[in-house]
PDB file of N, CA and C in Angstrom:
ATOM      1  N   UNK A   1     115.431  94.331 125.751  1.00  0.00           N
ATOM      2  CA  UNK A   1     114.350  95.103 125.112  1.00  0.00           C
ATOM      3  C   UNK A   1     113.823  96.085 126.179  1.00  0.00           C
ATOM      4  N   UNK A   2     113.720  97.316 125.696  1.00  0.00           N
ATOM      5  CA  UNK A   2     113.190  98.339 126.622  1.00  0.00           C
ATOM      6  C   UNK A   2     111.704  98.154 126.893  1.00  0.00           C
ATOM      7  N   UNK A   3     111.278  98.798 127.996  1.00  0.00           N
ATOM      8  CA  UNK A   3     109.847  98.638 128.429  1.00  0.00           C
ATOM      9  C   UNK A   3     108.926  99.139 127.322  1.00  0.00           C
ATOM     10  N   UNK A   4     109.341 100.271 126.717  1.00  0.00           N
ATOM     11  CA  UNK A   4     108.445 100.805 125.715  1.00  0.00           C
ATOM     12  C   UNK A   4     108.289  99.845 124.527  1.00  0.00           C
ATOM     13  N   UNK A   5     109.395  99.384 124.096  1.00  0.00           N
ATOM     14  CA  UNK A   5     109.419  98.446 122.892  1.00  0.00           C
ATOM     15  C   UNK A   5     108.595  97.192 123.220  1.00  0.00           C
ATOM     16  N   UNK A   6     108.713  96.644 124.468  1.00  0.00           N
ATOM     17  CA  UNK A   6     107.932  95.560 124.850  1.00  0.00           C
ATOM     18  C   UNK A   6     106.489  95.866 124.874  1.00  0.00           C
ATOM     19  N   UNK A   7     106.077  96.992 125.281  1.00  0.00           N
ATOM     20  CA  UNK A   7     104.735  97.399 125.373  1.00  0.00           C
ATOM     21  C   UNK A   7     104.158  97.513 123.963  1.00  0.00           C
ATOM     22  N   UNK A   8     104.917  98.134 123.045  1.00  0.00           N
ATOM     23  CA  UNK A   8     104.477  98.339 121.705  1.00  0.00           C
ATOM     24  C   UNK A   8     104.239  96.934 121.043  1.00  0.00           C
ATOM     25  N   UNK A   9     105.182  96.017 121.233  1.00  0.00           N
ATOM     26  CA  UNK A   9     105.104  94.674 120.741  1.00  0.00           C
ATOM     27  C   UNK A   9     103.900  93.922 121.306  1.00  0.00           C
ATOM     28  N   UNK A  10     103.634  94.021 122.685  1.00  0.00           N
ATOM     29  CA  UNK A  10     102.550  93.438 123.314  1.00  0.00           C
ATOM     30  C   UNK A  10     101.230  93.980 122.765  1.00  0.00           C
ATOM     31  N   UNK A  11     101.134  95.300 122.647  1.00  0.00           N
ATOM     32  CA  UNK A  11      99.945  95.863 122.111  1.00  0.00           C
ATOM     33  C   UNK A  11      99.668  95.417 120.716  1.00  0.00           C
ATOM     34  N   UNK A  12     100.656  95.415 119.907  1.00  0.00           N
ATOM     35  CA  UNK A  12     100.516  94.928 118.574  1.00  0.00           C
ATOM     36  C   UNK A  12      99.993  93.530 118.471  1.00  0.00           C
ATOM     37  N   UNK A  13     100.535  92.663 119.376  1.00  0.00           N
ATOM     38  CA  UNK A  13     100.152  91.280 119.358  1.00  0.00           C
ATOM     39  C   UNK A  13      98.736  91.049 119.948  1.00  0.00           C
ATOM     40  N   UNK A  14      98.385  91.948 120.801  1.00  0.00           N
ATOM     41  CA  UNK A  14      97.045  91.790 121.437  1.00  0.00           C
ATOM     42  C   UNK A  14      95.883  92.341 120.632  1.00  0.00           C
ATOM     43  N   UNK A  15      96.124  93.354 119.870  1.00  0.00           N
ATOM     44  CA  UNK A  15      95.033  93.966 119.244  1.00  0.00           C
ATOM     45  C   UNK A  15      94.894  93.687 117.757  1.00  0.00           C
ATOM     46  N   UNK A  16      95.909  93.055 117.201  1.00  0.00           N
ATOM     47  CA  UNK A  16      95.972  92.913 115.691  1.00  0.00           C
ATOM     48  C   UNK A  16      95.940  91.491 115.395  1.00  0.00           C
ATOM     49  N   UNK A  17      94.905  91.034 114.588  1.00  0.00           N
ATOM     50  CA  UNK A  17      94.912  89.636 114.135  1.00  0.00           C
ATOM     51  C   UNK A  17      96.150  89.293 113.308  1.00  0.00           C
ATOM     52  N   UNK A  18      96.554  88.031 113.356  1.00  0.00           N
ATOM     53  CA  UNK A  18      97.715  87.629 112.667  1.00  0.00           C
ATOM     54  C   UNK A  18      97.726  87.910 111.177  1.00  0.00           C
ATOM     55  N   UNK A  19      96.604  87.956 110.530  1.00  0.00           N
ATOM     56  CA  UNK A  19      96.572  88.279 109.115  1.00  0.00           C
ATOM     57  C   UNK A  19      97.014  89.659 108.808  1.00  0.00           C
ATOM     58  N   UNK A  20      96.829  90.555 109.737  1.00  0.00           N
ATOM     59  CA  UNK A  20      97.150  91.934 109.543  1.00  0.00           C
ATOM     60  C   UNK A  20      98.604  92.191 109.618  1.00  0.00           C
ATOM     61  N   UNK A  21      99.427  91.283 110.173  1.00  0.00           N
ATOM     62  CA  UNK A  21     100.842  91.532 110.252  1.00  0.00           C
ATOM     63  C   UNK A  21     101.521  91.665 108.963  1.00  0.00           C
ATOM     64  N   UNK A  22     100.931  91.143 107.871  1.00  0.00           N
ATOM     65  CA  UNK A  22     101.520  91.257 106.535  1.00  0.00           C
ATOM     66  C   UNK A  22     101.438  92.678 105.984  1.00  0.00           C
ATOM     67  N   UNK A  23     100.533  93.467 106.443  1.00  0.00           N
ATOM     68  CA  UNK A  23     100.454  94.882 105.980  1.00  0.00           C
ATOM     69  C   UNK A  23     100.227  95.812 107.121  1.00  0.00           C
ATOM     70  N   UNK A  24     101.072  96.908 107.173  1.00  0.00           N
ATOM     71  CA  UNK A  24     100.978  97.893 108.141  1.00  0.00           C
ATOM     72  C   UNK A  24      99.798  98.835 107.742  1.00  0.00           C
ATOM     73  N   UNK A  25      98.904  99.093 108.559  1.00  0.00           N
ATOM     74  CA  UNK A  25      97.858 100.091 108.249  1.00  0.00           C
ATOM     75  C   UNK A  25      97.963 101.315 109.056  1.00  0.00           C
ATOM     76  N   UNK A  26      97.379 102.373 108.566  1.00  0.00           N
ATOM     77  CA  UNK A  26      97.383 103.621 109.465  1.00  0.00           C
ATOM     78  C   UNK A  26      96.760 103.422 110.879  1.00  0.00           C
ATOM     79  N   UNK A  27      95.668 102.628 110.882  1.00  0.00           N
ATOM     80  CA  UNK A  27      94.966 102.366 112.143  1.00  0.00           C
ATOM     81  C   UNK A  27      95.836 101.546 113.058  1.00  0.00           C
ATOM     82  N   UNK A  28      96.520 100.604 112.551  1.00  0.00           N
ATOM     83  CA  UNK A  28      97.433  99.810 113.442  1.00  0.00           C
ATOM     84  C   UNK A  28      98.535 100.604 113.975  1.00  0.00           C
ATOM     85  N   UNK A  29      99.149 101.495 113.125  1.00  0.00           N
ATOM     86  CA  UNK A  29     100.167 102.414 113.602  1.00  0.00           C
ATOM     87  C   UNK A  29      99.608 103.282 114.663  1.00  0.00           C
ATOM     88  N   UNK A  30      98.462 103.788 114.535  1.00  0.00           N
ATOM     89  CA  UNK A  30      97.849 104.669 115.541  1.00  0.00           C
ATOM     90  C   UNK A  30      97.695 103.922 116.899  1.00  0.00           C
ATOM     91  N   UNK A  31      97.301 102.646 116.824  1.00  0.00           N
ATOM     92  CA  UNK A  31      97.300 101.897 118.068  1.00  0.00           C
ATOM     93  C   UNK A  31      98.580 101.873 118.764  1.00  0.00           C
ATOM     94  N   UNK A  32      99.633 101.538 118.036  1.00  0.00           N
ATOM     95  CA  UNK A  32     100.953 101.513 118.656  1.00  0.00           C
ATOM     96  C   UNK A  32     101.324 102.849 119.259  1.00  0.00           C
ATOM     97  N   UNK A  33     101.064 103.912 118.405  1.00  0.00           N
ATOM     98  CA  UNK A  33     101.403 105.233 118.875  1.00  0.00           C
ATOM     99  C   UNK A  33     100.690 105.718 120.074  1.00  0.00           C
ATOM    100  N   UNK A  34      99.372 105.541 120.109  1.00  0.00           N
ATOM    101  CA  UNK A  34      98.555 106.184 121.118  1.00  0.00           C
ATOM    102  C   UNK A  34      98.191 105.290 122.265  1.00  0.00           C
ATOM    103  N   UNK A  35      98.318 103.922 122.183  1.00  0.00           N
ATOM    104  CA  UNK A  35      97.832 103.072 123.222  1.00  0.00           C
ATOM    105  C   UNK A  35      98.934 102.416 124.058  1.00  0.00           C
ATOM    106  N   UNK A  36     100.151 102.621 123.719  1.00  0.00           N
ATOM    107  CA  UNK A  36     101.193 101.945 124.539  1.00  0.00           C
ATOM    108  C   UNK A  36     101.164 102.330 126.039  1.00  0.00           C
ATOM    109  N   UNK A  37     101.042 103.641 126.302  1.00  0.00           N
ATOM    110  CA  UNK A  37     101.001 104.073 127.686  1.00  0.00           C
ATOM    111  C   UNK A  37      99.756 103.562 128.368  1.00  0.00           C
ATOM    112  N   UNK A  38      98.620 103.517 127.703  1.00  0.00           N
ATOM    113  CA  UNK A  38      97.417 102.982 128.295  1.00  0.00           C
ATOM    114  C   UNK A  38      97.514 101.540 128.595  1.00  0.00           C
ATOM    115  N   UNK A  39      98.206 100.742 127.726  1.00  0.00           N
ATOM    116  CA  UNK A  39      98.457  99.306 127.950  1.00  0.00           C
ATOM    117  C   UNK A  39      99.269  99.211 129.198  1.00  0.00           C
ATOM    118  N   UNK A  40     100.361 100.029 129.312  1.00  0.00           N
ATOM    119  CA  UNK A  40     101.249  99.922 130.485  1.00  0.00           C
ATOM    120  C   UNK A  40     100.427 100.275 131.778  1.00  0.00           C
ATOM    121  N   UNK A  41      99.567 101.251 131.726  1.00  0.00           N
ATOM    122  CA  UNK A  41      98.938 101.778 132.849  1.00  0.00           C
ATOM    123  C   UNK A  41      97.799 100.834 133.344  1.00  0.00           C
ATOM    124  N   UNK A  42      97.054 100.150 132.381  1.00  0.00           N
ATOM    125  CA  UNK A  42      95.845  99.481 132.704  1.00  0.00           C
ATOM    126  C   UNK A  42      95.903  97.967 132.491  1.00  0.00           C
ATOM    127  N   UNK A  43      96.691  97.510 131.564  1.00  0.00           N
ATOM    128  CA  UNK A  43      96.540  96.096 131.050  1.00  0.00           C
ATOM    129  C   UNK A  43      97.776  95.309 131.056  1.00  0.00           C
ATOM    130  N   UNK A  44      98.920  95.867 131.481  1.00  0.00           N
ATOM    131  CA  UNK A  44     100.148  95.176 131.336  1.00  0.00           C
ATOM    132  C   UNK A  44     100.336  93.917 132.172  1.00  0.00           C
ATOM    133  N   UNK A  45      99.374  93.731 133.070  1.00  0.00           N
ATOM    134  CA  UNK A  45      99.340  92.522 133.945  1.00  0.00           C
ATOM    135  C   UNK A  45      99.015  91.254 133.121  1.00  0.00           C
ATOM    136  N   UNK A  46      98.392  91.487 131.884  1.00  0.00           N
ATOM    137  CA  UNK A  46      98.019  90.359 131.047  1.00  0.00           C
ATOM    138  C   UNK A  46      99.039  90.145 129.976  1.00  0.00           C
ATOM    139  N   UNK A  47      99.177  88.792 129.704  1.00  0.00           N
ATOM    140  CA  UNK A  47     100.144  88.540 128.664  1.00  0.00           C
ATOM    141  C   UNK A  47      99.736  88.936 127.271  1.00  0.00           C
ATOM    142  N   UNK A  48     100.674  89.364 126.379  1.00  0.00           N
ATOM    143  CA  UNK A  48     100.291  89.757 125.028  1.00  0.00           C
ATOM    144  C   UNK A  48      99.680  88.548 124.296  1.00  0.00           C
ATOM    145  N   UNK A  49      98.750  88.897 123.387  1.00  0.00           N
ATOM    146  CA  UNK A  49      98.179  87.893 122.491  1.00  0.00           C
ATOM    147  C   UNK A  49      96.971  87.219 123.027  1.00  0.00           C
ATOM    148  N   UNK A  50      96.618  87.427 124.328  1.00  0.00           N
ATOM    149  CA  UNK A  50      95.484  86.729 124.871  1.00  0.00           C
ATOM    150  C   UNK A  50      94.294  87.527 124.916  1.00  0.00           C
ATOM    151  N   UNK A  51      93.118  86.942 124.994  1.00  0.00           N
ATOM    152  CA  UNK A  51      91.827  87.675 125.033  1.00  0.00           C
ATOM    153  C   UNK A  51      91.754  88.571 126.290  1.00  0.00           C
ATOM    154  N   UNK A  52      92.577  88.279 127.268  1.00  0.00           N
ATOM    155  CA  UNK A  52      92.426  89.106 128.519  1.00  0.00           C
ATOM    156  C   UNK A  52      92.794  90.578 128.234  1.00  0.00           C
ATOM    157  N   UNK A  53      93.758  90.834 127.350  1.00  0.00           N
ATOM    158  CA  UNK A  53      94.217  92.207 127.075  1.00  0.00           C
ATOM    159  C   UNK A  53      93.086  92.949 126.427  1.00  0.00           C
ATOM    160  N   UNK A  54      92.497  92.362 125.425  1.00  0.00           N
ATOM    161  CA  UNK A  54      91.361  92.964 124.699  1.00  0.00           C
ATOM    162  C   UNK A  54      90.215  93.246 125.659  1.00  0.00           C
ATOM    163  N   UNK A  55      89.959  92.304 126.512  1.00  0.00           N
ATOM    164  CA  UNK A  55      88.894  92.443 127.545  1.00  0.00           C
ATOM    165  C   UNK A  55      89.255  93.623 128.545  1.00  0.00           C
ATOM    166  N   UNK A  56      90.526  93.686 128.880  1.00  0.00           N
ATOM    167  CA  UNK A  56      90.987  94.736 129.750  1.00  0.00           C
ATOM    168  C   UNK A  56      90.792  96.151 129.144  1.00  0.00           C
ATOM    169  N   UNK A  57      91.100  96.214 127.784  1.00  0.00           N
ATOM    170  CA  UNK A  57      90.932  97.525 127.139  1.00  0.00           C
ATOM    171  C   UNK A  57      89.469  97.847 127.112  1.00  0.00           C
ATOM    172  N   UNK A  58      88.578  96.896 126.835  1.00  0.00           N
ATOM    173  CA  UNK A  58      87.119  97.186 126.831  1.00  0.00           C
ATOM    174  C   UNK A  58      86.702  97.626 128.216  1.00  0.00           C
ATOM    175  N   UNK A  59      87.169  96.885 129.253  1.00  0.00           N
ATOM    176  CA  UNK A  59      86.705  97.245 130.601  1.00  0.00           C
ATOM    177  C   UNK A  59      87.180  98.584 131.027  1.00  0.00           C
ATOM    178  N   UNK A  60      88.312  99.046 130.503  1.00  0.00           N
ATOM    179  CA  UNK A  60      88.944 100.399 130.952  1.00  0.00           C
ATOM    180  C   UNK A  60      88.712 101.446 129.853  1.00  0.00           C
ATOM    181  N   UNK A  61      87.807 101.224 128.955  1.00  0.00           N
ATOM    182  CA  UNK A  61      87.605 102.139 127.778  1.00  0.00           C
ATOM    183  C   UNK A  61      87.439 103.607 128.274  1.00  0.00           C
ATOM    184  N   UNK A  62      86.702 103.798 129.375  1.00  0.00           N
ATOM    185  CA  UNK A  62      86.459 105.177 129.872  1.00  0.00           C
ATOM    186  C   UNK A  62      87.738 105.791 130.524  1.00  0.00           C
ATOM    187  N   UNK A  63      88.692 104.923 130.916  1.00  0.00           N
ATOM    188  CA  UNK A  63      89.977 105.391 131.473  1.00  0.00           C
ATOM    189  C   UNK A  63      91.018 105.591 130.456  1.00  0.00           C
ATOM    190  N   UNK A  64      90.819 105.155 129.320  1.00  0.00           N
ATOM    191  CA  UNK A  64      91.872 105.339 128.232  1.00  0.00           C
ATOM    192  C   UNK A  64      91.970 106.774 127.816  1.00  0.00           C
ATOM    193  N   UNK A  65      93.118 107.069 127.246  1.00  0.00           N
ATOM    194  CA  UNK A  65      93.337 108.437 126.765  1.00  0.00           C
ATOM    195  C   UNK A  65      92.370 108.587 125.514  1.00  0.00           C
ATOM    196  N   UNK A  66      91.978 109.804 125.289  1.00  0.00           N
ATOM    197  CA  UNK A  66      91.092 110.025 124.084  1.00  0.00           C
ATOM    198  C   UNK A  66      91.779 109.587 122.784  1.00  0.00           C
ATOM    199  N   UNK A  67      93.037 109.786 122.634  1.00  0.00           N
ATOM    200  CA  UNK A  67      93.729 109.364 121.466  1.00  0.00           C
ATOM    201  C   UNK A  67      93.694 107.802 121.347  1.00  0.00           C
ATOM    202  N   UNK A  68      93.927 107.125 122.392  1.00  0.00           N
ATOM    203  CA  UNK A  68      93.954 105.620 122.318  1.00  0.00           C
ATOM    204  C   UNK A  68      92.474 105.131 122.064  1.00  0.00           C
ATOM    205  N   UNK A  69      91.501 105.675 122.765  1.00  0.00           N
ATOM    206  CA  UNK A  69      90.116 105.246 122.438  1.00  0.00           C
ATOM    207  C   UNK A  69      89.811 105.502 120.990  1.00  0.00           C
ATOM    208  N   UNK A  70      90.209 106.653 120.435  1.00  0.00           N
ATOM    209  CA  UNK A  70      89.957 106.964 119.035  1.00  0.00           C
ATOM    210  C   UNK A  70      90.720 106.008 118.162  1.00  0.00           C
ATOM    211  N   UNK A  71      91.895 105.634 118.487  1.00  0.00           N
ATOM    212  CA  UNK A  71      92.652 104.690 117.625  1.00  0.00           C
ATOM    213  C   UNK A  71      92.031 103.277 117.641  1.00  0.00           C
ATOM    214  N   UNK A  72      91.556 102.835 118.828  1.00  0.00           N
ATOM    215  CA  UNK A  72      90.827 101.588 118.903  1.00  0.00           C
ATOM    216  C   UNK A  72      89.625 101.586 118.037  1.00  0.00           C
ATOM    217  N   UNK A  73      88.797 102.630 118.062  1.00  0.00           N
ATOM    218  CA  UNK A  73      87.632 102.751 117.275  1.00  0.00           C
ATOM    219  C   UNK A  73      87.999 102.710 115.791  1.00  0.00           C
ATOM    220  N   UNK A  74      89.007 103.554 115.412  1.00  0.00           N
ATOM    221  CA  UNK A  74      89.406 103.577 113.963  1.00  0.00           C
ATOM    222  C   UNK A  74      89.893 102.192 113.578  1.00  0.00           C
ATOM    223  N   UNK A  75      90.615 101.466 114.433  1.00  0.00           N
ATOM    224  CA  UNK A  75      91.051 100.111 114.030  1.00  0.00           C
ATOM    225  C   UNK A  75      89.886  99.172 113.874  1.00  0.00           C
ATOM    226  N   UNK A  76      88.875  99.236 114.751  1.00  0.00           N
ATOM    227  CA  UNK A  76      87.752  98.325 114.620  1.00  0.00           C
ATOM    228  C   UNK A  76      86.961  98.685 113.268  1.00  0.00           C
ATOM    229  N   UNK A  77      86.836  99.912 113.071  1.00  0.00           N
ATOM    230  CA  UNK A  77      86.152 100.323 111.793  1.00  0.00           C
ATOM    231  C   UNK A  77      86.941  99.814 110.499  1.00  0.00           C
ATOM    232  N   UNK A  78      88.178  99.910 110.552  1.00  0.00           N
ATOM    233  CA  UNK A  78      89.039  99.411 109.538  1.00  0.00           C
ATOM    234  C   UNK A  78      88.870  97.840 109.333  1.00  0.00           C
ATOM    235  N   UNK A  79      88.822  97.225 110.486  1.00  0.00           N
ATOM    236  CA  UNK A  79      88.674  95.701 110.445  1.00  0.00           C
ATOM    237  C   UNK A  79      87.278  95.379 109.869  1.00  0.00           C
ATOM    238  N   UNK A  80      86.305  96.100 110.292  1.00  0.00           N
ATOM    239  CA  UNK A  80      84.942  95.747 109.750  1.00  0.00           C
ATOM    240  C   UNK A  80      84.935  96.005 108.203  1.00  0.00           C
ATOM    241  N   UNK A  81      85.468  97.094 107.804  1.00  0.00           N
ATOM    242  CA  UNK A  81      85.518  97.336 106.337  1.00  0.00           C
ATOM    243  C   UNK A  81      86.314  96.277 105.600  1.00  0.00           C
ATOM    244  N   UNK A  82      87.450  95.832 106.250  1.00  0.00           N
ATOM    245  CA  UNK A  82      88.232  94.777 105.602  1.00  0.00           C
ATOM    246  C   UNK A  82      87.467  93.531 105.435  1.00  0.00           C
ATOM    247  N   UNK A  83      86.718  93.142 106.542  1.00  0.00           N
ATOM    248  CA  UNK A  83      85.895  91.992 106.452  1.00  0.00           C
ATOM    249  C   UNK A  83      84.810  92.029 105.373  1.00  0.00           C
ATOM    250  N   UNK A  84      84.129  93.211 105.373  1.00  0.00           N
ATOM    251  CA  UNK A  84      83.132  93.375 104.301  1.00  0.00           C
ATOM    252  C   UNK A  84      83.661  93.263 102.915  1.00  0.00           C
ATOM    253  N   UNK A  85      84.862  93.769 102.644  1.00  0.00           N
ATOM    254  CA  UNK A  85      85.521  93.709 101.348  1.00  0.00           C
ATOM    255  C   UNK A  85      85.856  92.235 101.011  1.00  0.00           C
ATOM    256  N   UNK A  86      86.317  91.501 102.021  1.00  0.00           N
ATOM    257  CA  UNK A  86      86.669  90.146 101.776  1.00  0.00           C
ATOM    258  C   UNK A  86      85.430  89.219 101.580  1.00  0.00           C
ATOM    259  N   UNK A  87      84.331  89.603 102.126  1.00  0.00           N
ATOM    260  CA  UNK A  87      83.003  88.876 101.877  1.00  0.00           C
ATOM    261  C   UNK A  87      82.483  89.131 100.480  1.00  0.00           C
ATOM    262  N   UNK A  88      82.761  90.315  99.926  1.00  0.00           N
ATOM    263  CA  UNK A  88      82.275  90.628  98.656  1.00  0.00           C
ATOM    264  C   UNK A  88      83.018  89.848  97.508  1.00  0.00           C
ATOM    265  N   UNK A  89      84.334  89.587  97.742  1.00  0.00           N
ATOM    266  CA  UNK A  89      85.146  88.877  96.799  1.00  0.00           C
ATOM    267  C   UNK A  89      84.690  87.449  96.614  1.00  0.00           C
TER     268      UNK A  89
END
């Protein structure tokens, strides 16, 4: 597996809850697209899927590329909206 593919997989596993694997969302795709390099630069020392990676992204938010920071914010907004919709049902 190439380093880029491993980073994309790690990022997906770190930032996306298991329930979201069933459906690809635009926000999740943006995370993969825009945050792979940031993961490799700032957080690749942490294993995928652990809370350490999410904490690392939070700690390095000001160092992240603008596109990655925007993708993270869009993903969080999408997750909040999804949770609100599931609470209404």
